[in-house]
Amino acid sequence: MNDHDSQNTERHRLFFQLYGSCQNRLHGFLFMMVHSESDAEDLLQETAATMWEQFDKFEQGTNFAAWGMTIARYKAINFMKKNARTRPHLSEHLYERIAELESREKEDMTDREDALKRCITKLKELDRKFLTLRYEQNTGMKKIAEMFGRSTTGIYHTMARIHSALYECIQKALKAGEIR
């Protein structure tokens, strides 16, 4: 395999990794816009094709999902314009507003996820272990209690305390503007 083939393979891998992380979101947005599963699927395929064709123009490090949403929005608006006679069509301004709100919601979620990651690092090692067992390894509360020689009720209380601490930490981080 030469360097060009290796670069292409890496480019393909990166695109599909990024696309896979936002495909469901794009599909949901398109369905919301066109109100038809088959039309949303067709538009999703068109969106993916355009994203792939223009992937060289995508600036790595920027928001891939937002870039894809912009392409999907234009695909949906063009579709609605072409089919205005056979489909109910709301104003273009309303569709733009919906897309803007959806994009803002995703940014808020990303901020919360970043805050959560930071806050988890601030927890005691044992608390992080409980979170890892419960949410990454999908271990049941009863099993965690057995592993640590504690009661199931005690583990529930511990998890509630951890959740409260994380919630408070996330709220403080978002208020302080530590994220962004």
N, C-alpha and C. Protein backbone atom coordinates (compact mmCIF):
# COMPACT_ATOMS: atom_id res chain seq x y z
N MET A 1 0.85 -1.17 0.00
CA MET A 1 0.00 0.00 0.00
C MET A 1 0.90 1.24 0.00
N ASN A 2 0.70 2.13 -0.97
CA ASN A 2 1.53 3.33 -1.02
C ASN A 2 0.92 4.42 -0.15
N ASP A 3 1.63 5.57 -0.05
CA ASP A 3 1.17 6.67 0.81
C ASP A 3 -0.18 7.21 0.38
N HIS A 4 -0.42 7.29 -0.93
CA HIS A 4 -1.70 7.81 -1.44
C HIS A 4 -2.85 6.91 -1.03
N ASP A 5 -2.67 5.59 -1.16
CA ASP A 5 -3.70 4.64 -0.75
C ASP A 5 -3.94 4.73 0.75
N SER A 6 -2.87 4.87 1.51
CA SER A 6 -2.97 4.98 2.96
C SER A 6 -3.73 6.24 3.36
N GLN A 7 -3.45 7.35 2.68
CA GLN A 7 -4.16 8.61 2.96
C GLN A 7 -5.63 8.49 2.60
N ASN A 8 -5.93 7.83 1.49
CA ASN A 8 -7.32 7.64 1.09
C ASN A 8 -8.06 6.77 2.10
N THR A 9 -7.41 5.71 2.56
CA THR A 9 -8.02 4.83 3.55
C THR A 9 -8.31 5.61 4.83
N GLU A 10 -7.37 6.40 5.26
CA GLU A 10 -7.55 7.22 6.47
C GLU A 10 -8.66 8.25 6.26
N ARG A 11 -8.71 8.83 5.08
CA ARG A 11 -9.76 9.82 4.75
C ARG A 11 -11.13 9.15 4.79
N HIS A 12 -11.24 7.97 4.19
CA HIS A 12 -12.50 7.22 4.23
C HIS A 12 -12.90 6.90 5.66
N ARG A 13 -11.96 6.41 6.45
CA ARG A 13 -12.23 6.04 7.83
C ARG A 13 -12.72 7.25 8.62
N LEU A 14 -12.03 8.36 8.47
CA LEU A 14 -12.40 9.57 9.20
C LEU A 14 -13.79 10.05 8.80
N PHE A 15 -14.07 10.06 7.50
CA PHE A 15 -15.39 10.50 7.05
C PHE A 15 -16.48 9.62 7.64
N PHE A 16 -16.34 8.32 7.53
CA PHE A 16 -17.38 7.43 7.99
C PHE A 16 -17.52 7.43 9.52
N GLN A 17 -16.45 7.67 10.22
CA GLN A 17 -16.52 7.81 11.67
C GLN A 17 -17.33 9.07 12.02
N LEU A 18 -17.00 10.18 11.38
CA LEU A 18 -17.71 11.43 11.65
C LEU A 18 -19.16 11.34 11.19
N TYR A 19 -19.37 10.79 10.01
CA TYR A 19 -20.74 10.68 9.48
C TYR A 19 -21.59 9.76 10.36
N GLY A 20 -21.01 8.66 10.78
CA GLY A 20 -21.73 7.72 11.64
C GLY A 20 -22.18 8.36 12.94
N SER A 21 -21.39 9.30 13.44
CA SER A 21 -21.75 9.94 14.71
C SER A 21 -22.92 10.91 14.58
N CYS A 22 -23.26 11.32 13.35
CA CYS A 22 -24.35 12.28 13.20
C CYS A 22 -25.44 11.81 12.24
N GLN A 23 -25.34 10.61 11.72
CA GLN A 23 -26.30 10.11 10.73
C GLN A 23 -27.73 10.10 11.26
N ASN A 24 -27.93 9.60 12.47
CA ASN A 24 -29.29 9.54 13.02
C ASN A 24 -29.86 10.94 13.23
N ARG A 25 -29.02 11.84 13.65
CA ARG A 25 -29.46 13.23 13.85
C ARG A 25 -29.87 13.85 12.51
N LEU A 26 -29.07 13.64 11.47
CA LEU A 26 -29.40 14.15 10.14
C LEU A 26 -30.72 13.56 9.66
N HIS A 27 -30.88 12.25 9.85
CA HIS A 27 -32.11 11.59 9.42
C HIS A 27 -33.32 12.16 10.15
N GLY A 28 -33.20 12.33 11.46
CA GLY A 28 -34.29 12.88 12.25
C GLY A 28 -34.66 14.28 11.80
N PHE A 29 -33.66 15.09 11.52
CA PHE A 29 -33.90 16.44 11.05
C PHE A 29 -34.61 16.42 9.70
N LEU A 30 -34.13 15.61 8.79
CA LEU A 30 -34.74 15.54 7.45
C LEU A 30 -36.18 15.04 7.53
N PHE A 31 -36.43 14.06 8.38
CA PHE A 31 -37.78 13.55 8.54
C PHE A 31 -38.69 14.65 9.09
N MET A 32 -38.18 15.41 10.04
CA MET A 32 -38.95 16.51 10.61
C MET A 32 -39.30 17.55 9.53
N MET A 33 -38.39 17.74 8.61
CA MET A 33 -38.61 18.73 7.56
C MET A 33 -39.59 18.25 6.49
N VAL A 34 -39.48 16.99 6.07
CA VAL A 34 -40.28 16.52 4.92
C VAL A 34 -41.45 15.62 5.30
N HIS A 35 -41.50 15.16 6.53
CA HIS A 35 -42.63 14.37 7.04
C HIS A 35 -42.89 13.09 6.26
N SER A 36 -41.86 12.52 5.70
CA SER A 36 -41.99 11.26 4.95
C SER A 36 -40.71 10.46 5.13
N GLU A 37 -40.86 9.23 5.60
CA GLU A 37 -39.70 8.37 5.84
C GLU A 37 -38.91 8.12 4.56
N SER A 38 -39.60 7.79 3.49
CA SER A 38 -38.88 7.48 2.24
C SER A 38 -38.19 8.72 1.68
N ASP A 39 -38.84 9.88 1.75
CA ASP A 39 -38.20 11.11 1.28
C ASP A 39 -37.02 11.48 2.16
N ALA A 40 -37.17 11.29 3.46
CA ALA A 40 -36.07 11.59 4.38
C ALA A 40 -34.87 10.67 4.09
N GLU A 41 -35.14 9.40 3.81
CA GLU A 41 -34.06 8.46 3.47
C GLU A 41 -33.35 8.90 2.18
N ASP A 42 -34.13 9.27 1.17
CA ASP A 42 -33.54 9.73 -0.09
C ASP A 42 -32.68 10.98 0.14
N LEU A 43 -33.21 11.92 0.91
CA LEU A 43 -32.47 13.15 1.18
C LEU A 43 -31.22 12.87 2.02
N LEU A 44 -31.31 11.90 2.91
CA LEU A 44 -30.14 11.52 3.71
C LEU A 44 -29.03 10.99 2.80
N GLN A 45 -29.42 10.16 1.82
CA GLN A 45 -28.43 9.64 0.88
C GLN A 45 -27.81 10.76 0.06
N GLU A 46 -28.63 11.70 -0.38
CA GLU A 46 -28.11 12.85 -1.13
C GLU A 46 -27.18 13.69 -0.26
N THR A 47 -27.58 13.88 0.98
CA THR A 47 -26.76 14.65 1.92
C THR A 47 -25.41 13.97 2.12
N ALA A 48 -25.44 12.67 2.35
CA ALA A 48 -24.19 11.92 2.56
C ALA A 48 -23.29 12.01 1.33
N ALA A 49 -23.89 11.89 0.16
CA ALA A 49 -23.10 11.98 -1.08
C ALA A 49 -22.46 13.36 -1.21
N THR A 50 -23.21 14.40 -0.93
CA THR A 50 -22.67 15.76 -1.02
C THR A 50 -21.58 15.97 0.02
N MET A 51 -21.82 15.47 1.22
CA MET A 51 -20.81 15.60 2.27
C MET A 51 -19.51 14.91 1.86
N TRP A 52 -19.63 13.73 1.27
CA TRP A 52 -18.44 13.00 0.82
C TRP A 52 -17.74 13.76 -0.30
N GLU A 53 -18.52 14.24 -1.26
CA GLU A 53 -17.94 14.98 -2.39
C GLU A 53 -17.21 16.24 -1.92
N GLN A 54 -17.72 16.86 -0.87
CA GLN A 54 -17.15 18.12 -0.39
C GLN A 54 -16.28 17.94 0.86
N PHE A 55 -15.98 16.70 1.19
CA PHE A 55 -15.24 16.43 2.42
C PHE A 55 -13.88 17.12 2.44
N ASP A 56 -13.28 17.31 1.27
CA ASP A 56 -11.99 18.02 1.21
C ASP A 56 -12.14 19.46 1.68
N LYS A 57 -13.34 20.01 1.54
CA LYS A 57 -13.60 21.40 1.95
C LYS A 57 -13.90 21.52 3.44
N PHE A 58 -14.23 20.39 4.08
CA PHE A 58 -14.52 20.41 5.51
C PHE A 58 -13.25 20.71 6.28
N GLU A 59 -13.33 21.67 7.19
CA GLU A 59 -12.18 22.05 7.98
C GLU A 59 -12.13 21.20 9.25
N GLN A 60 -11.16 20.31 9.31
CA GLN A 60 -11.04 19.42 10.47
C GLN A 60 -10.91 20.24 11.74
N GLY A 61 -11.58 19.78 12.79
CA GLY A 61 -11.58 20.50 14.06
C GLY A 61 -12.82 21.35 14.24
N THR A 62 -13.56 21.57 13.14
CA THR A 62 -14.82 22.29 13.26
C THR A 62 -15.94 21.27 13.45
N ASN A 63 -17.15 21.76 13.58
CA ASN A 63 -18.29 20.90 13.92
C ASN A 63 -18.81 20.19 12.66
N PHE A 64 -18.48 18.92 12.53
CA PHE A 64 -18.88 18.12 11.37
C PHE A 64 -20.39 18.00 11.29
N ALA A 65 -21.04 17.76 12.43
CA ALA A 65 -22.50 17.61 12.44
C ALA A 65 -23.19 18.89 11.98
N ALA A 66 -22.71 20.03 12.44
CA ALA A 66 -23.30 21.31 12.02
C ALA A 66 -23.11 21.52 10.52
N TRP A 67 -21.96 21.13 10.02
CA TRP A 67 -21.69 21.24 8.58
C TRP A 67 -22.67 20.35 7.81
N GLY A 68 -22.85 19.14 8.28
CA GLY A 68 -23.80 18.22 7.65
C GLY A 68 -25.22 18.73 7.74
N MET A 69 -25.59 19.32 8.88
CA MET A 69 -26.94 19.87 9.05
C MET A 69 -27.20 21.00 8.06
N THR A 70 -26.20 21.79 7.79
CA THR A 70 -26.36 22.88 6.82
C THR A 70 -26.65 22.29 5.44
N ILE A 71 -25.91 21.28 5.06
CA ILE A 71 -26.13 20.62 3.77
C ILE A 71 -27.52 20.00 3.74
N ALA A 72 -27.89 19.31 4.82
CA ALA A 72 -29.21 18.66 4.90
C ALA A 72 -30.32 19.70 4.83
N ARG A 73 -30.14 20.82 5.48
CA ARG A 73 -31.15 21.88 5.46
C ARG A 73 -31.40 22.35 4.04
N TYR A 74 -30.32 22.61 3.29
CA TYR A 74 -30.49 23.06 1.90
C TYR A 74 -31.13 21.98 1.03
N LYS A 75 -30.76 20.74 1.27
CA LYS A 75 -31.38 19.64 0.52
C LYS A 75 -32.88 19.60 0.80
N ALA A 76 -33.26 19.72 2.07
CA ALA A 76 -34.68 19.66 2.45
C ALA A 76 -35.46 20.86 1.90
N ILE A 77 -34.88 22.04 1.99
CA ILE A 77 -35.58 23.24 1.50
C ILE A 77 -35.77 23.16 -0.01
N ASN A 78 -34.74 22.72 -0.73
CA ASN A 78 -34.87 22.56 -2.19
C ASN A 78 -35.93 21.52 -2.52
N PHE A 79 -35.95 20.43 -1.77
CA PHE A 79 -36.96 19.38 -1.97
C PHE A 79 -38.36 19.95 -1.77
N MET A 80 -38.52 20.72 -0.69
CA MET A 80 -39.84 21.30 -0.39
C MET A 80 -40.27 22.28 -1.48
N LYS A 81 -39.33 23.05 -1.98
CA LYS A 81 -39.66 24.00 -3.06
C LYS A 81 -40.09 23.25 -4.31
N LYS A 82 -39.35 22.20 -4.67
CA LYS A 82 -39.68 21.42 -5.87
C LYS A 82 -41.02 20.74 -5.75
N ASN A 83 -41.40 20.37 -4.54
CA ASN A 83 -42.63 19.62 -4.32
C ASN A 83 -43.73 20.46 -3.66
N ALA A 84 -43.64 21.76 -3.79
CA ALA A 84 -44.58 22.66 -3.12
C ALA A 84 -46.03 22.43 -3.55
N ARG A 85 -46.22 22.03 -4.78
CA ARG A 85 -47.60 21.84 -5.25
C ARG A 85 -48.25 20.58 -4.69
N THR A 86 -47.45 19.58 -4.40
CA THR A 86 -48.01 18.30 -3.95
C THR A 86 -47.86 18.08 -2.44
N ARG A 87 -47.14 18.96 -1.77
CA ARG A 87 -46.90 18.79 -0.34
C ARG A 87 -47.17 20.09 0.39
N PRO A 88 -47.69 19.97 1.61
CA PRO A 88 -47.83 21.19 2.40
C PRO A 88 -46.44 21.77 2.65
N HIS A 89 -46.33 23.06 2.58
CA HIS A 89 -45.02 23.70 2.73
C HIS A 89 -45.16 24.87 3.69
N LEU A 90 -44.38 24.84 4.74
CA LEU A 90 -44.35 25.96 5.67
C LEU A 90 -43.34 26.97 5.13
N SER A 91 -43.30 28.13 5.71
CA SER A 91 -42.40 29.16 5.20
C SER A 91 -40.95 28.72 5.37
N GLU A 92 -40.13 29.18 4.44
CA GLU A 92 -38.70 28.85 4.50
C GLU A 92 -38.10 29.38 5.79
N HIS A 93 -38.58 30.55 6.23
CA HIS A 93 -38.09 31.14 7.48
C HIS A 93 -38.33 30.19 8.66
N LEU A 94 -39.49 29.55 8.71
CA LEU A 94 -39.79 28.61 9.79
C LEU A 94 -38.82 27.42 9.75
N TYR A 95 -38.55 26.89 8.57
CA TYR A 95 -37.60 25.78 8.47
C TYR A 95 -36.19 26.20 8.89
N GLU A 96 -35.81 27.42 8.53
CA GLU A 96 -34.50 27.94 8.94
C GLU A 96 -34.44 28.05 10.46
N ARG A 97 -35.52 28.52 11.06
CA ARG A 97 -35.58 28.68 12.52
C ARG A 97 -35.49 27.32 13.21
N ILE A 98 -36.20 26.33 12.68
CA ILE A 98 -36.15 24.97 13.23
C ILE A 98 -34.71 24.45 13.19
N ALA A 99 -34.05 24.63 12.06
CA ALA A 99 -32.66 24.17 11.92
C ALA A 99 -31.74 24.90 12.89
N GLU A 100 -31.96 26.18 13.07
CA GLU A 100 -31.14 26.97 13.98
C GLU A 100 -31.31 26.49 15.43
N LEU A 101 -32.55 26.24 15.82
CA LEU A 101 -32.82 25.75 17.17
C LEU A 101 -32.22 24.38 17.40
N GLU A 102 -32.31 23.52 16.40
CA GLU A 102 -31.75 22.17 16.51
C GLU A 102 -30.23 22.26 16.66
N SER A 103 -29.61 23.15 15.91
CA SER A 103 -28.16 23.32 15.97
C SER A 103 -27.75 23.84 17.35
N ARG A 104 -28.49 24.81 17.87
CA ARG A 104 -28.19 25.38 19.18
C ARG A 104 -28.35 24.31 20.27
N GLU A 105 -29.38 23.48 20.15
CA GLU A 105 -29.59 22.42 21.13
C GLU A 105 -28.41 21.46 21.14
N LYS A 106 -27.88 21.13 19.96
CA LYS A 106 -26.74 20.23 19.87
C LYS A 106 -25.51 20.87 20.51
N GLU A 107 -25.31 22.18 20.29
CA GLU A 107 -24.17 22.86 20.91
C GLU A 107 -24.29 22.82 22.42
N ASP A 108 -25.51 23.06 22.94
CA ASP A 108 -25.73 22.99 24.38
C ASP A 108 -25.40 21.60 24.91
N MET A 109 -25.80 20.58 24.15
CA MET A 109 -25.54 19.21 24.57
C MET A 109 -24.04 18.93 24.58
N THR A 110 -23.33 19.42 23.58
CA THR A 110 -21.88 19.23 23.52
C THR A 110 -21.22 19.92 24.70
N ASP A 111 -21.69 21.12 25.06
CA ASP A 111 -21.15 21.82 26.22
C ASP A 111 -21.37 21.00 27.49
N ARG A 112 -22.56 20.43 27.62
CA ARG A 112 -22.87 19.61 28.80
C ARG A 112 -21.99 18.36 28.84
N GLU A 113 -21.77 17.74 27.68
CA GLU A 113 -20.92 16.55 27.63
C GLU A 113 -19.49 16.91 28.01
N ASP A 114 -18.99 18.04 27.52
CA ASP A 114 -17.64 18.48 27.88
C ASP A 114 -17.54 18.74 29.38
N ALA A 115 -18.57 19.40 29.93
CA ALA A 115 -18.58 19.68 31.37
C ALA A 115 -18.62 18.37 32.16
N LEU A 116 -19.43 17.42 31.71
CA LEU A 116 -19.52 16.12 32.38
C LEU A 116 -18.16 15.44 32.41
N LYS A 117 -17.47 15.42 31.29
CA LYS A 117 -16.15 14.78 31.24
C LYS A 117 -15.20 15.43 32.24
N ARG A 118 -15.21 16.77 32.28
CA ARG A 118 -14.33 17.47 33.23
C ARG A 118 -14.71 17.15 34.67
N CYS A 119 -16.01 17.15 34.92
CA CYS A 119 -16.48 16.91 36.29
C CYS A 119 -16.17 15.50 36.75
N ILE A 120 -16.25 14.54 35.87
CA ILE A 120 -15.94 13.15 36.23
C ILE A 120 -14.48 13.05 36.69
N THR A 121 -13.60 13.79 36.03
CA THR A 121 -12.18 13.73 36.42
C THR A 121 -11.95 14.29 37.82
N LYS A 122 -12.88 15.11 38.31
CA LYS A 122 -12.75 15.71 39.64
C LYS A 122 -13.26 14.79 40.76
N LEU A 123 -13.94 13.71 40.38
CA LEU A 123 -14.47 12.79 41.38
C LEU A 123 -13.36 11.96 42.02
N LYS A 124 -13.69 11.39 43.18
CA LYS A 124 -12.77 10.45 43.82
C LYS A 124 -12.65 9.22 42.92
N GLU A 125 -11.53 8.55 43.05
CA GLU A 125 -11.27 7.38 42.22
C GLU A 125 -12.36 6.31 42.39
N LEU A 126 -12.79 6.08 43.63
CA LEU A 126 -13.82 5.07 43.88
C LEU A 126 -15.15 5.46 43.20
N ASP A 127 -15.50 6.73 43.23
CA ASP A 127 -16.73 7.18 42.57
C ASP A 127 -16.65 6.98 41.06
N ARG A 128 -15.47 7.25 40.50
CA ARG A 128 -15.28 7.01 39.05
C ARG A 128 -15.40 5.52 38.75
N LYS A 129 -14.90 4.69 39.65
CA LYS A 129 -15.00 3.24 39.48
C LYS A 129 -16.47 2.80 39.46
N PHE A 130 -17.28 3.35 40.36
CA PHE A 130 -18.71 3.04 40.38
C PHE A 130 -19.36 3.43 39.05
N LEU A 131 -19.03 4.62 38.55
CA LEU A 131 -19.60 5.07 37.28
C LEU A 131 -19.17 4.17 36.13
N THR A 132 -17.90 3.79 36.13
CA THR A 132 -17.38 2.91 35.08
C THR A 132 -18.11 1.58 35.09
N LEU A 133 -18.24 1.01 36.26
CA LEU A 133 -18.93 -0.28 36.36
C LEU A 133 -20.38 -0.17 35.90
N ARG A 134 -21.05 0.86 36.36
CA ARG A 134 -22.48 1.00 36.07
C ARG A 134 -22.74 1.37 34.61
N TYR A 135 -22.04 2.36 34.09
CA TYR A 135 -22.41 2.92 32.79
C TYR A 135 -21.54 2.46 31.62
N GLU A 136 -20.30 2.13 31.87
CA GLU A 136 -19.46 1.66 30.77
C GLU A 136 -19.50 0.14 30.65
N GLN A 137 -19.54 -0.52 31.80
CA GLN A 137 -19.54 -1.98 31.79
C GLN A 137 -20.95 -2.55 32.00
N ASN A 138 -21.92 -1.66 32.19
CA ASN A 138 -23.33 -2.05 32.32
C ASN A 138 -23.57 -3.06 33.44
N THR A 139 -22.85 -2.88 34.54
CA THR A 139 -22.98 -3.76 35.70
C THR A 139 -24.20 -3.33 36.51
N GLY A 140 -24.99 -4.29 36.94
CA GLY A 140 -26.17 -4.00 37.75
C GLY A 140 -25.79 -3.52 39.14
N MET A 141 -26.71 -2.79 39.77
CA MET A 141 -26.46 -2.23 41.11
C MET A 141 -26.24 -3.35 42.13
N LYS A 142 -26.99 -4.42 42.01
CA LYS A 142 -26.85 -5.54 42.95
C LYS A 142 -25.44 -6.14 42.85
N LYS A 143 -24.96 -6.31 41.63
CA LYS A 143 -23.62 -6.87 41.40
C LYS A 143 -22.54 -5.93 41.94
N ILE A 144 -22.71 -4.62 41.74
CA ILE A 144 -21.75 -3.64 42.27
C ILE A 144 -21.72 -3.74 43.79
N ALA A 145 -22.91 -3.85 44.40
CA ALA A 145 -22.99 -3.96 45.86
C ALA A 145 -22.23 -5.19 46.33
N GLU A 146 -22.41 -6.30 45.64
CA GLU A 146 -21.71 -7.54 46.00
C GLU A 146 -20.20 -7.37 45.86
N MET A 147 -19.77 -6.73 44.78
CA MET A 147 -18.34 -6.54 44.52
C MET A 147 -17.66 -5.74 45.63
N PHE A 148 -18.39 -4.79 46.22
CA PHE A 148 -17.79 -3.91 47.22
C PHE A 148 -18.24 -4.22 48.64
N GLY A 149 -18.99 -5.32 48.78
CA GLY A 149 -19.43 -5.71 50.11
C GLY A 149 -20.37 -4.69 50.75
N ARG A 150 -21.19 -4.09 49.95
CA ARG A 150 -22.14 -3.09 50.44
C ARG A 150 -23.56 -3.55 50.14
N SER A 151 -24.51 -2.87 50.75
CA SER A 151 -25.91 -3.18 50.45
C SER A 151 -26.30 -2.51 49.13
N THR A 152 -27.28 -3.08 48.49
CA THR A 152 -27.78 -2.50 47.24
C THR A 152 -28.31 -1.09 47.50
N THR A 153 -29.02 -0.91 48.61
CA THR A 153 -29.53 0.41 48.97
C THR A 153 -28.38 1.40 49.14
N GLY A 154 -27.31 0.95 49.77
CA GLY A 154 -26.14 1.81 49.95
C GLY A 154 -25.54 2.24 48.63
N ILE A 155 -25.50 1.33 47.66
CA ILE A 155 -24.97 1.67 46.33
C ILE A 155 -25.89 2.66 45.63
N TYR A 156 -27.20 2.46 45.77
CA TYR A 156 -28.15 3.43 45.19
C TYR A 156 -27.92 4.82 45.79
N HIS A 157 -27.71 4.89 47.10
CA HIS A 157 -27.45 6.18 47.75
C HIS A 157 -26.13 6.79 47.26
N THR A 158 -25.13 5.95 47.12
CA THR A 158 -23.83 6.42 46.62
C THR A 158 -23.97 6.97 45.20
N MET A 159 -24.68 6.24 44.36
CA MET A 159 -24.87 6.71 42.98
C MET A 159 -25.67 8.01 42.95
N ALA A 160 -26.65 8.14 43.82
CA ALA A 160 -27.43 9.38 43.89
C ALA A 160 -26.53 10.54 44.30
N ARG A 161 -25.63 10.29 45.26
CA ARG A 161 -24.69 11.33 45.69
C ARG A 161 -23.76 11.72 44.54
N ILE A 162 -23.27 10.73 43.80
CA ILE A 162 -22.38 10.99 42.66
C ILE A 162 -23.13 11.80 41.60
N HIS A 163 -24.35 11.39 41.30
CA HIS A 163 -25.15 12.11 40.29
C HIS A 163 -25.38 13.56 40.72
N SER A 164 -25.68 13.77 42.01
CA SER A 164 -25.88 15.14 42.50
C SER A 164 -24.61 15.97 42.37
N ALA A 165 -23.48 15.36 42.75
CA ALA A 165 -22.20 16.07 42.65
C ALA A 165 -21.90 16.43 41.19
N LEU A 166 -22.16 15.51 40.28
CA LEU A 166 -21.92 15.79 38.86
C LEU A 166 -22.86 16.88 38.36
N TYR A 167 -24.12 16.81 38.75
CA TYR A 167 -25.09 17.83 38.34
C TYR A 167 -24.64 19.22 38.79
N GLU A 168 -24.26 19.33 40.06
CA GLU A 168 -23.81 20.62 40.60
C GLU A 168 -22.56 21.11 39.87
N CYS A 169 -21.63 20.22 39.64
CA CYS A 169 -20.39 20.58 38.95
C CYS A 169 -20.68 21.06 37.54
N ILE A 170 -21.55 20.35 36.82
CA ILE A 170 -21.90 20.73 35.45
C ILE A 170 -22.57 22.09 35.44
N GLN A 171 -23.51 22.31 36.36
CA GLN A 171 -24.20 23.61 36.42
C GLN A 171 -23.22 24.74 36.67
N LYS A 172 -22.30 24.54 37.60
CA LYS A 172 -21.29 25.57 37.91
C LYS A 172 -20.40 25.83 36.69
N ALA A 173 -19.98 24.77 36.03
CA ALA A 173 -19.11 24.93 34.86
C ALA A 173 -19.82 25.69 33.74
N LEU A 174 -21.09 25.37 33.50
CA LEU A 174 -21.83 26.05 32.45
C LEU A 174 -22.08 27.51 32.82
N LYS A 175 -22.41 27.78 34.09
CA LYS A 175 -22.64 29.16 34.53
C LYS A 175 -21.37 29.98 34.44
N ALA A 176 -20.26 29.38 34.83
CA ALA A 176 -18.98 30.10 34.85
C ALA A 176 -18.41 30.27 33.44
N GLY A 177 -19.02 29.60 32.47
CA GLY A 177 -18.52 29.71 31.10
C GLY A 177 -17.22 28.99 30.89
N GLU A 178 -16.93 28.00 31.73
CA GLU A 178 -15.69 27.23 31.58
C GLU A 178 -15.67 26.45 30.28
N ILE A 179 -16.85 26.14 29.77
CA ILE A 179 -16.96 25.38 28.55
C ILE A 179 -17.13 26.35 27.40
N ARG A 180 -16.57 26.05 26.27
CA ARG A 180 -16.62 26.83 25.02
C ARG A 180 -15.30 27.41 24.71
